[in-house]
Protein backbone atom coordinates (compact mmCIF):
# COMPACT_ATOMS: atom_id res chain seq x y z
CA MET A 1 -14.80 -84.98 4.45
CA SER A 2 -12.87 -88.18 3.94
CA CYS A 3 -10.51 -89.94 6.26
CA LEU A 4 -7.99 -92.33 4.88
CA ALA A 5 -5.05 -94.35 5.92
CA VAL A 6 -3.01 -95.35 2.91
CA GLY A 7 -0.94 -98.24 4.03
CA ARG A 8 -0.21 -101.92 4.25
CA PRO A 9 -1.19 -104.74 6.61
CA SER A 10 2.25 -104.67 8.24
CA PRO A 11 3.81 -101.51 9.67
CA PRO A 12 5.32 -99.36 6.91
CA GLN A 13 9.11 -99.35 6.94
CA ALA A 14 9.16 -95.58 7.48
CA LEU A 15 7.34 -96.05 10.80
CA VAL A 16 9.56 -98.93 11.85
CA ASP A 17 12.67 -96.89 11.02
CA ALA A 18 11.32 -93.95 13.01
CA GLY A 19 10.60 -96.15 16.02
CA ARG A 20 6.85 -95.62 15.72
CA ASN A 21 5.88 -99.26 15.18
CA ARG A 22 2.83 -98.98 17.39
CA TYR A 23 -0.43 -100.47 16.41
CA ASP A 24 -2.04 -100.22 19.81
CA GLY A 25 -5.48 -99.18 18.56
CA VAL A 26 -4.62 -95.49 18.78
CA MET A 27 -4.06 -93.56 15.58
CA ARG A 28 -2.71 -90.06 15.22
CA VAL A 29 -5.06 -88.33 12.78
CA ALA A 30 -4.23 -85.10 10.92
CA VAL A 31 -7.33 -83.15 9.89
CA PHE A 32 -6.60 -80.69 7.08
CA SER A 33 -8.57 -77.66 5.87
CA THR A 34 -10.15 -77.29 9.28
CA ARG A 35 -12.49 -74.39 9.89
CA SER A 36 -14.05 -73.42 13.22
CA TYR A 37 -17.38 -75.02 12.27
CA ASP A 38 -15.59 -78.28 11.42
CA ARG A 39 -13.88 -78.35 14.80
CA GLU A 40 -17.20 -77.69 16.51
CA PHE A 41 -18.48 -81.05 15.29
CA LEU A 42 -15.27 -83.07 14.98
CA GLU A 43 -13.87 -82.42 18.46
CA PRO A 44 -16.87 -84.03 20.22
CA ALA A 45 -16.81 -86.90 17.73
CA PHE A 46 -13.16 -87.63 18.48
CA ALA A 47 -13.61 -87.08 22.23
CA SER A 48 -15.10 -90.54 22.69
CA SER A 49 -12.42 -92.11 20.48
CA PRO A 50 -8.99 -93.34 21.54
CA HIS A 51 -7.46 -91.56 18.54
CA GLN A 52 -5.33 -88.44 18.85
CA VAL A 53 -6.48 -85.71 16.46
CA THR A 54 -4.57 -82.64 15.32
CA PHE A 55 -6.32 -79.92 13.34
CA PHE A 56 -4.57 -77.98 10.58
CA THR A 57 -6.04 -74.91 8.91
CA PRO A 58 -4.06 -75.26 5.65
CA ARG A 59 -5.37 -77.60 3.01
CA LEU A 60 -3.37 -80.71 2.20
CA THR A 61 -1.18 -80.13 -0.86
CA GLY A 62 2.30 -81.06 -1.97
CA GLU A 63 3.58 -77.99 -0.14
CA THR A 64 1.85 -78.80 3.18
CA LEU A 65 2.58 -82.52 2.98
CA PRO A 66 5.30 -82.33 5.68
CA LEU A 67 2.56 -81.54 8.21
CA ALA A 68 1.27 -85.10 7.74
CA ALA A 69 4.56 -86.66 8.82
CA GLY A 70 4.12 -89.02 11.75
CA PHE A 71 0.35 -89.38 11.38
CA GLU A 72 -1.20 -92.76 10.66
CA ALA A 73 -4.25 -91.20 8.99
CA VAL A 74 -5.32 -87.96 7.38
CA CYS A 75 -8.79 -86.49 7.21
CA VAL A 76 -9.36 -84.35 4.13
CA PHE A 77 -12.02 -82.16 2.59
CA VAL A 78 -12.90 -81.37 -1.03
CA GLN A 79 -10.42 -78.50 -1.32
CA ASP A 80 -7.46 -80.73 -0.43
CA VAL A 81 -5.21 -82.08 -3.19
CA LEU A 82 -4.92 -85.85 -3.30
CA ASP A 83 -3.01 -86.33 -6.50
CA ARG A 84 -0.58 -89.15 -7.25
CA THR A 85 2.35 -87.25 -5.76
CA VAL A 86 0.59 -86.56 -2.46
CA LEU A 87 -0.85 -90.08 -2.12
CA THR A 88 2.48 -91.71 -2.95
CA ALA A 89 4.28 -89.55 -0.40
CA LEU A 90 1.65 -90.30 2.28
CA ALA A 91 1.96 -94.03 1.69
CA ALA A 92 5.77 -93.90 1.68
CA GLY A 93 5.68 -92.04 5.00
CA GLY A 94 3.39 -94.55 6.67
CA THR A 95 0.13 -92.63 6.50
């Protein structure tokens, strides 16, 4: 599992344009390729965190990329696709 936030020191323009210029210490995190055994361990780990986590069963690919919209970070596993197209789109969208 890897968690990443591809971004810049200042709020990405896509977030500013969407009115989500909030760096209040709380990140919305999208966890892809989630299985029940992953949730079993990740939910308690995030419970003591200020971050808001959303679990997705599908793996992250170019086709499922829209699910990451609005999230400041994504958490991925080995079966997810993090090619140039996906990473560029994540960064452009403020993730």
